[in-house]
């Protein structure tokens, strides 16, 4: 796991604990989930359509990359 994010949708609804994961096929976003009694993980909140999932993933990953570049610049300036 690389990061944990929160998003606000239309200034009306917030989703916390979205995880940024560096998987075998690259970075992806995992929605908040909980473990069920039988050991499976189930999303607590998730988009209904693949288009909305892609919008959320693109926005979260873009912000992750922006923050990573900003952090790197701060580290270089402080060195």
PDB file of N, CA and C in Angstrom:
ATOM      1  N   UNK A   1       0.845  -1.171   0.000  1.00  0.00           N
ATOM      2  CA  UNK A   1       0.000   0.000   0.000  1.00  0.00           C
ATOM      3  C   UNK A   1       0.891   1.235   0.000  1.00  0.00           C
ATOM      4  N   UNK A   2       0.577   2.175  -0.858  1.00  0.00           N
ATOM      5  CA  UNK A   2       1.365   3.390  -1.000  1.00  0.00           C
ATOM      6  C   UNK A   2       0.768   4.566  -0.241  1.00  0.00           C
ATOM      7  N   UNK A   3      -0.569   4.628  -0.155  1.00  0.00           N
ATOM      8  CA  UNK A   3      -1.212   5.783   0.473  1.00  0.00           C
ATOM      9  C   UNK A   3      -2.659   5.442   0.813  1.00  0.00           C
ATOM     10  N   UNK A   4      -3.232   6.286   1.660  1.00  0.00           N
ATOM     11  CA  UNK A   4      -4.657   6.227   1.972  1.00  0.00           C
ATOM     12  C   UNK A   4      -5.233   7.590   1.638  1.00  0.00           C
ATOM     13  N   UNK A   5      -6.385   7.598   0.967  1.00  0.00           N
ATOM     14  CA  UNK A   5      -6.981   8.852   0.510  1.00  0.00           C
ATOM     15  C   UNK A   5      -8.435   8.954   0.949  1.00  0.00           C
ATOM     16  N   UNK A   6      -8.920  10.178   0.939  1.00  0.00           N
ATOM     17  CA  UNK A   6     -10.340  10.472   1.096  1.00  0.00           C
ATOM     18  C   UNK A   6     -10.753  11.303  -0.101  1.00  0.00           C
ATOM     19  N   UNK A   7     -11.976  11.101  -0.573  1.00  0.00           N
ATOM     20  CA  UNK A   7     -12.487  11.922  -1.667  1.00  0.00           C
ATOM     21  C   UNK A   7     -13.814  12.536  -1.256  1.00  0.00           C
ATOM     22  N   UNK A   8     -14.102  13.694  -1.808  1.00  0.00           N
ATOM     23  CA  UNK A   8     -15.397  14.342  -1.631  1.00  0.00           C
ATOM     24  C   UNK A   8     -16.043  14.437  -2.999  1.00  0.00           C
ATOM     25  N   UNK A   9     -17.270  13.979  -3.101  1.00  0.00           N
ATOM     26  CA  UNK A   9     -17.995  13.956  -4.367  1.00  0.00           C
ATOM     27  C   UNK A   9     -19.058  15.039  -4.344  1.00  0.00           C
ATOM     28  N   UNK A  10     -18.970  15.967  -5.299  1.00  0.00           N
ATOM     29  CA  UNK A  10     -19.939  17.058  -5.464  1.00  0.00           C
ATOM     30  C   UNK A  10     -20.160  17.867  -4.184  1.00  0.00           C
ATOM     31  N   UNK A  11     -19.133  17.986  -3.356  1.00  0.00           N
ATOM     32  CA  UNK A  11     -19.241  18.705  -2.080  1.00  0.00           C
ATOM     33  C   UNK A  11     -20.415  18.217  -1.234  1.00  0.00           C
ATOM     34  N   UNK A  12     -20.801  16.946  -1.410  1.00  0.00           N
ATOM     35  CA  UNK A  12     -21.961  16.413  -0.695  1.00  0.00           C
ATOM     36  C   UNK A  12     -21.720  15.060  -0.032  1.00  0.00           C
ATOM     37  N   UNK A  13     -20.715  14.308  -0.496  1.00  0.00           N
ATOM     38  CA  UNK A  13     -20.527  12.951   0.004  1.00  0.00           C
ATOM     39  C   UNK A  13     -19.035  12.667   0.076  1.00  0.00           C
ATOM     40  N   UNK A  14     -18.587  12.132   1.198  1.00  0.00           N
ATOM     41  CA  UNK A  14     -17.156  11.842   1.359  1.00  0.00           C
ATOM     42  C   UNK A  14     -16.950  10.337   1.545  1.00  0.00           C
ATOM     43  N   UNK A  15     -15.862   9.849   0.978  1.00  0.00           N
ATOM     44  CA  UNK A  15     -15.465   8.449   1.149  1.00  0.00           C
ATOM     45  C   UNK A  15     -14.040   8.458   1.692  1.00  0.00           C
ATOM     46  N   UNK A  16     -13.851   7.856   2.867  1.00  0.00           N
ATOM     47  CA  UNK A  16     -12.541   7.770   3.510  1.00  0.00           C
ATOM     48  C   UNK A  16     -11.929   6.390   3.274  1.00  0.00           C
ATOM     49  N   UNK A  17     -10.653   6.288   3.566  1.00  0.00           N
ATOM     50  CA  UNK A  17      -9.922   5.010   3.567  1.00  0.00           C
ATOM     51  C   UNK A  17      -9.841   4.334   2.200  1.00  0.00           C
ATOM     52  N   UNK A  18      -9.725   5.144   1.149  1.00  0.00           N
ATOM     53  CA  UNK A  18      -9.440   4.609  -0.181  1.00  0.00           C
ATOM     54  C   UNK A  18      -7.940   4.354  -0.227  1.00  0.00           C
ATOM     55  N   UNK A  19      -7.547   3.165  -0.630  1.00  0.00           N
ATOM     56  CA  UNK A  19      -6.132   2.799  -0.618  1.00  0.00           C
ATOM     57  C   UNK A  19      -5.528   2.875  -2.019  1.00  0.00           C
ATOM     58  N   UNK A  20      -4.318   3.407  -2.083  1.00  0.00           N
ATOM     59  CA  UNK A  20      -3.537   3.402  -3.318  1.00  0.00           C
ATOM     60  C   UNK A  20      -2.572   2.229  -3.207  1.00  0.00           C
ATOM     61  N   UNK A  21      -2.692   1.293  -4.146  1.00  0.00           N
ATOM     62  CA  UNK A  21      -1.935   0.047  -4.107  1.00  0.00           C
ATOM     63  C   UNK A  21      -1.015  -0.027  -5.325  1.00  0.00           C
ATOM     64  N   UNK A  22       0.214  -0.486  -5.102  1.00  0.00           N
ATOM     65  CA  UNK A  22       1.139  -0.751  -6.204  1.00  0.00           C
ATOM     66  C   UNK A  22       1.089  -2.252  -6.469  1.00  0.00           C
ATOM     67  N   UNK A  23       0.252  -2.647  -7.419  1.00  0.00           N
ATOM     68  CA  UNK A  23       0.046  -4.064  -7.708  1.00  0.00           C
ATOM     69  C   UNK A  23       0.962  -4.578  -8.805  1.00  0.00           C
ATOM     70  N   UNK A  24       0.795  -5.828  -9.153  1.00  0.00           N
ATOM     71  CA  UNK A  24       1.605  -6.463 -10.198  1.00  0.00           C
ATOM     72  C   UNK A  24       1.434  -5.791 -11.554  1.00  0.00           C
ATOM     73  N   UNK A  25       0.259  -5.219 -11.804  1.00  0.00           N
ATOM     74  CA  UNK A  25      -0.020  -4.563 -13.083  1.00  0.00           C
ATOM     75  C   UNK A  25      -0.036  -3.050 -12.955  1.00  0.00           C
ATOM     76  N   UNK A  26       0.629  -2.517 -11.960  1.00  0.00           N
ATOM     77  CA  UNK A  26       0.698  -1.073 -11.778  1.00  0.00           C
ATOM     78  C   UNK A  26      -0.172  -0.583 -10.637  1.00  0.00           C
ATOM     79  N   UNK A  27      -0.232   0.725 -10.526  1.00  0.00           N
ATOM     80  CA  UNK A  27      -0.971   1.354  -9.433  1.00  0.00           C
ATOM     81  C   UNK A  27      -2.477   1.230  -9.666  1.00  0.00           C
ATOM     82  N   UNK A  28      -3.204   1.033  -8.562  1.00  0.00           N
ATOM     83  CA  UNK A  28      -4.661   1.036  -8.640  1.00  0.00           C
ATOM     84  C   UNK A  28      -5.227   1.498  -7.314  1.00  0.00           C
ATOM     85  N   UNK A  29      -6.518   1.782  -7.329  1.00  0.00           N
ATOM     86  CA  UNK A  29      -7.220   2.287  -6.158  1.00  0.00           C
ATOM     87  C   UNK A  29      -8.139   1.187  -5.641  1.00  0.00           C
ATOM     88  N   UNK A  30      -8.088   0.930  -4.335  1.00  0.00           N
ATOM     89  CA  UNK A  30      -8.972  -0.040  -3.693  1.00  0.00           C
ATOM     90  C   UNK A  30      -9.933   0.719  -2.791  1.00  0.00           C
ATOM     91  N   UNK A  31     -11.200   0.458  -2.967  1.00  0.00           N
ATOM     92  CA  UNK A  31     -12.214   1.138  -2.172  1.00  0.00           C
ATOM     93  C   UNK A  31     -12.189   0.602  -0.734  1.00  0.00           C
ATOM     94  N   UNK A  32     -12.728   1.371   0.219  1.00  0.00           N
ATOM     95  CA  UNK A  32     -12.728   0.914   1.616  1.00  0.00           C
ATOM     96  C   UNK A  32     -13.506  -0.400   1.746  1.00  0.00           C
ATOM     97  N   UNK A  33     -12.987  -1.287   2.573  1.00  0.00           N
ATOM     98  CA  UNK A  33     -13.624  -2.595   2.720  1.00  0.00           C
ATOM     99  C   UNK A  33     -13.510  -3.077   4.159  1.00  0.00           C
ATOM    100  N   UNK A  34     -14.258  -4.124   4.450  1.00  0.00           N
ATOM    101  CA  UNK A  34     -14.153  -4.769   5.761  1.00  0.00           C
ATOM    102  C   UNK A  34     -14.158  -6.275   5.549  1.00  0.00           C
ATOM    103  N   UNK A  35     -13.607  -6.986   6.509  1.00  0.00           N
ATOM    104  CA  UNK A  35     -13.545  -8.448   6.431  1.00  0.00           C
ATOM    105  C   UNK A  35     -14.868  -9.018   6.942  1.00  0.00           C
ATOM    106  N   UNK A  36     -15.440  -9.943   6.185  1.00  0.00           N
ATOM    107  CA  UNK A  36     -16.670 -10.609   6.597  1.00  0.00           C
ATOM    108  C   UNK A  36     -16.317 -11.763   7.542  1.00  0.00           C
ATOM    109  N   UNK A  37     -17.304 -12.296   8.252  1.00  0.00           N
ATOM    110  CA  UNK A  37     -17.017 -13.414   9.164  1.00  0.00           C
ATOM    111  C   UNK A  37     -16.366 -14.619   8.485  1.00  0.00           C
ATOM    112  N   UNK A  38     -16.611 -14.811   7.184  1.00  0.00           N
ATOM    113  CA  UNK A  38     -15.989 -15.950   6.495  1.00  0.00           C
ATOM    114  C   UNK A  38     -14.616 -15.617   5.914  1.00  0.00           C
ATOM    115  N   UNK A  39     -14.079 -14.434   6.242  1.00  0.00           N
ATOM    116  CA  UNK A  39     -12.718 -14.081   5.856  1.00  0.00           C
ATOM    117  C   UNK A  39     -12.573 -13.316   4.559  1.00  0.00           C
ATOM    118  N   UNK A  40     -13.652 -13.132   3.819  1.00  0.00           N
ATOM    119  CA  UNK A  40     -13.591 -12.367   2.577  1.00  0.00           C
ATOM    120  C   UNK A  40     -13.624 -10.873   2.884  1.00  0.00           C
ATOM    121  N   UNK A  41     -13.100 -10.080   1.959  1.00  0.00           N
ATOM    122  CA  UNK A  41     -13.195  -8.635   2.083  1.00  0.00           C
ATOM    123  C   UNK A  41     -14.321  -8.146   1.195  1.00  0.00           C
ATOM    124  N   UNK A  42     -15.121  -7.228   1.722  1.00  0.00           N
ATOM    125  CA  UNK A  42     -16.264  -6.691   0.986  1.00  0.00           C
ATOM    126  C   UNK A  42     -16.190  -5.173   1.027  1.00  0.00           C
ATOM    127  N   UNK A  43     -16.351  -4.538  -0.157  1.00  0.00           N
ATOM    128  CA  UNK A  43     -16.328  -3.081  -0.215  1.00  0.00           C
ATOM    129  C   UNK A  43     -17.445  -2.497   0.634  1.00  0.00           C
ATOM    130  N   UNK A  44     -17.117  -1.442   1.369  1.00  0.00           N
ATOM    131  CA  UNK A  44     -18.109  -0.713   2.152  1.00  0.00           C
ATOM    132  C   UNK A  44     -18.830   0.286   1.257  1.00  0.00           C
ATOM    133  N   UNK A  45     -18.071   0.952   0.408  1.00  0.00           N
ATOM    134  CA  UNK A  45     -18.619   1.907  -0.558  1.00  0.00           C
ATOM    135  C   UNK A  45     -17.865   1.696  -1.860  1.00  0.00           C
ATOM    136  N   UNK A  46     -18.585   1.753  -2.960  1.00  0.00           N
ATOM    137  CA  UNK A  46     -17.926   1.568  -4.254  1.00  0.00           C
ATOM    138  C   UNK A  46     -18.791   2.151  -5.360  1.00  0.00           C
ATOM    139  N   UNK A  47     -18.156   2.522  -6.485  1.00  0.00           N
ATOM    140  CA  UNK A  47     -18.920   3.034  -7.613  1.00  0.00           C
ATOM    141  C   UNK A  47     -19.746   1.912  -8.255  1.00  0.00           C
ATOM    142  N   UNK A  48     -20.872   2.296  -8.815  1.00  0.00           N
ATOM    143  CA  UNK A  48     -21.741   1.326  -9.475  1.00  0.00           C
ATOM    144  C   UNK A  48     -21.250   1.031 -10.896  1.00  0.00           C
ATOM    145  N   UNK A  49     -20.768   2.062 -11.584  1.00  0.00           N
ATOM    146  CA  UNK A  49     -20.370   1.880 -12.984  1.00  0.00           C
ATOM    147  C   UNK A  49     -18.849   1.892 -13.129  1.00  0.00           C
ATOM    148  N   UNK A  50     -18.373   1.231 -14.178  1.00  0.00           N
ATOM    149  CA  UNK A  50     -16.936   1.205 -14.433  1.00  0.00           C
ATOM    150  C   UNK A  50     -16.428   2.593 -14.812  1.00  0.00           C
ATOM    151  N   UNK A  51     -17.277   3.404 -15.445  1.00  0.00           N
ATOM    152  CA  UNK A  51     -16.882   4.768 -15.794  1.00  0.00           C
ATOM    153  C   UNK A  51     -16.604   5.608 -14.561  1.00  0.00           C
ATOM    154  N   UNK A  52     -17.461   5.483 -13.568  1.00  0.00           N
ATOM    155  CA  UNK A  52     -17.261   6.225 -12.320  1.00  0.00           C
ATOM    156  C   UNK A  52     -16.041   5.697 -11.583  1.00  0.00           C
ATOM    157  N   UNK A  53     -15.837   4.398 -11.592  1.00  0.00           N
ATOM    158  CA  UNK A  53     -14.646   3.820 -10.953  1.00  0.00           C
ATOM    159  C   UNK A  53     -13.388   4.388 -11.605  1.00  0.00           C
ATOM    160  N   UNK A  54     -13.383   4.485 -12.926  1.00  0.00           N
ATOM    161  CA  UNK A  54     -12.222   5.019 -13.643  1.00  0.00           C
ATOM    162  C   UNK A  54     -11.996   6.489 -13.300  1.00  0.00           C
ATOM    163  N   UNK A  55     -13.070   7.275 -13.191  1.00  0.00           N
ATOM    164  CA  UNK A  55     -12.934   8.691 -12.810  1.00  0.00           C
ATOM    165  C   UNK A  55     -12.300   8.819 -11.431  1.00  0.00           C
ATOM    166  N   UNK A  56     -12.783   8.015 -10.484  1.00  0.00           N
ATOM    167  CA  UNK A  56     -12.240   8.059  -9.123  1.00  0.00           C
ATOM    168  C   UNK A  56     -10.779   7.623  -9.132  1.00  0.00           C
ATOM    169  N   UNK A  57     -10.488   6.523  -9.805  1.00  0.00           N
ATOM    170  CA  UNK A  57      -9.113   6.028  -9.841  1.00  0.00           C
ATOM    171  C   UNK A  57      -8.183   7.051 -10.482  1.00  0.00           C
ATOM    172  N   UNK A  58      -8.598   7.640 -11.594  1.00  0.00           N
ATOM    173  CA  UNK A  58      -7.761   8.636 -12.274  1.00  0.00           C
ATOM    174  C   UNK A  58      -7.492   9.838 -11.382  1.00  0.00           C
ATOM    175  N   UNK A  59      -8.530  10.324 -10.709  1.00  0.00           N
ATOM    176  CA  UNK A  59      -8.377  11.501  -9.845  1.00  0.00           C
ATOM    177  C   UNK A  59      -7.474  11.200  -8.651  1.00  0.00           C
ATOM    178  N   UNK A  60      -7.682  10.058  -8.009  1.00  0.00           N
ATOM    179  CA  UNK A  60      -6.880   9.701  -6.834  1.00  0.00           C
ATOM    180  C   UNK A  60      -5.419   9.474  -7.228  1.00  0.00           C
ATOM    181  N   UNK A  61      -5.185   8.753  -8.319  1.00  0.00           N
ATOM    182  CA  UNK A  61      -3.805   8.490  -8.734  1.00  0.00           C
ATOM    183  C   UNK A  61      -3.104   9.758  -9.205  1.00  0.00           C
ATOM    184  N   UNK A  62      -3.831  10.658  -9.863  1.00  0.00           N
ATOM    185  CA  UNK A  62      -3.231  11.929 -10.286  1.00  0.00           C
ATOM    186  C   UNK A  62      -2.812  12.748  -9.073  1.00  0.00           C
ATOM    187  N   UNK A  63      -3.651  12.789  -8.050  1.00  0.00           N
ATOM    188  CA  UNK A  63      -3.309  13.532  -6.837  1.00  0.00           C
ATOM    189  C   UNK A  63      -2.159  12.855  -6.100  1.00  0.00           C
ATOM    190  N   UNK A  64      -2.130  11.532  -6.090  1.00  0.00           N
ATOM    191  CA  UNK A  64      -1.019  10.803  -5.475  1.00  0.00           C
ATOM    192  C   UNK A  64       0.294  11.172  -6.166  1.00  0.00           C
ATOM    193  N   UNK A  65       0.301  11.161  -7.486  1.00  0.00           N
ATOM    194  CA  UNK A  65       1.510  11.506  -8.243  1.00  0.00           C
ATOM    195  C   UNK A  65       1.921  12.956  -7.987  1.00  0.00           C
ATOM    196  N   UNK A  66       0.945  13.871  -7.944  1.00  0.00           N
ATOM    197  CA  UNK A  66       1.245  15.277  -7.685  1.00  0.00           C
ATOM    198  C   UNK A  66       1.889  15.431  -6.310  1.00  0.00           C
ATOM    199  N   UNK A  67       1.324  14.759  -5.309  1.00  0.00           N
ATOM    200  CA  UNK A  67       1.860  14.847  -3.950  1.00  0.00           C
ATOM    201  C   UNK A  67       3.250  14.215  -3.866  1.00  0.00           C
ATOM    202  N   UNK A  68       3.475  13.125  -4.596  1.00  0.00           N
ATOM    203  CA  UNK A  68       4.786  12.471  -4.585  1.00  0.00           C
ATOM    204  C   UNK A  68       5.850  13.382  -5.180  1.00  0.00           C
ATOM    205  N   UNK A  69       5.528  14.073  -6.275  1.00  0.00           N
ATOM    206  CA  UNK A  69       6.471  15.011  -6.893  1.00  0.00           C
ATOM    207  C   UNK A  69       6.752  16.163  -5.942  1.00  0.00           C
ATOM    208  N   UNK A  70       5.696  16.683  -5.316  1.00  0.00           N
ATOM    209  CA  UNK A  70       5.859  17.792  -4.372  1.00  0.00           C
ATOM    210  C   UNK A  70       6.744  17.375  -3.199  1.00  0.00           C
ATOM    211  N   UNK A  71       6.528  16.185  -2.672  1.00  0.00           N
ATOM    212  CA  UNK A  71       7.335  15.693  -1.549  1.00  0.00           C
ATOM    213  C   UNK A  71       8.796  15.527  -1.964  1.00  0.00           C
ATOM    214  N   UNK A  72       9.020  15.016  -3.157  1.00  0.00           N
ATOM    215  CA  UNK A  72      10.387  14.845  -3.659  1.00  0.00           C
ATOM    216  C   UNK A  72      11.081  16.197  -3.787  1.00  0.00           C
ATOM    217  N   UNK A  73      10.363  17.214  -4.273  1.00  0.00           N
ATOM    218  CA  UNK A  73      10.942  18.553  -4.408  1.00  0.00           C
ATOM    219  C   UNK A  73      11.327  19.120  -3.047  1.00  0.00           C
ATOM    220  N   UNK A  74      10.496  18.899  -2.046  1.00  0.00           N
ATOM    221  CA  UNK A  74      10.789  19.376  -0.693  1.00  0.00           C
ATOM    222  C   UNK A  74      12.033  18.673  -0.155  1.00  0.00           C
ATOM    223  N   UNK A  75      12.137  17.370  -0.384  1.00  0.00           N
ATOM    224  CA  UNK A  75      13.303  16.625   0.095  1.00  0.00           C
ATOM    225  C   UNK A  75      14.581  17.095  -0.584  1.00  0.00           C
ATOM    226  N   UNK A  76      14.518  17.371  -1.877  1.00  0.00           N
ATOM    227  CA  UNK A  76      15.696  17.834  -2.612  1.00  0.00           C
ATOM    228  C   UNK A  76      16.109  19.220  -2.126  1.00  0.00           C
ATOM    229  N   UNK A  77      15.134  20.099  -1.908  1.00  0.00           N
ATOM    230  CA  UNK A  77      15.438  21.452  -1.430  1.00  0.00           C
ATOM    231  C   UNK A  77      16.044  21.422  -0.032  1.00  0.00           C
ATOM    232  N   UNK A  78      15.611  20.468   0.794  1.00  0.00           N
ATOM    233  CA  UNK A  78      16.104  20.387   2.163  1.00  0.00           C
ATOM    234  C   UNK A  78      17.460  19.719   2.289  1.00  0.00           C
ATOM    235  N   UNK A  79      17.922  19.105   1.229  1.00  0.00           N
ATOM    236  CA  UNK A  79      19.198  18.368   1.298  1.00  0.00           C
ATOM    237  C   UNK A  79      20.393  19.280   1.170  1.00  0.00           C
TER     238      UNK A  79
END
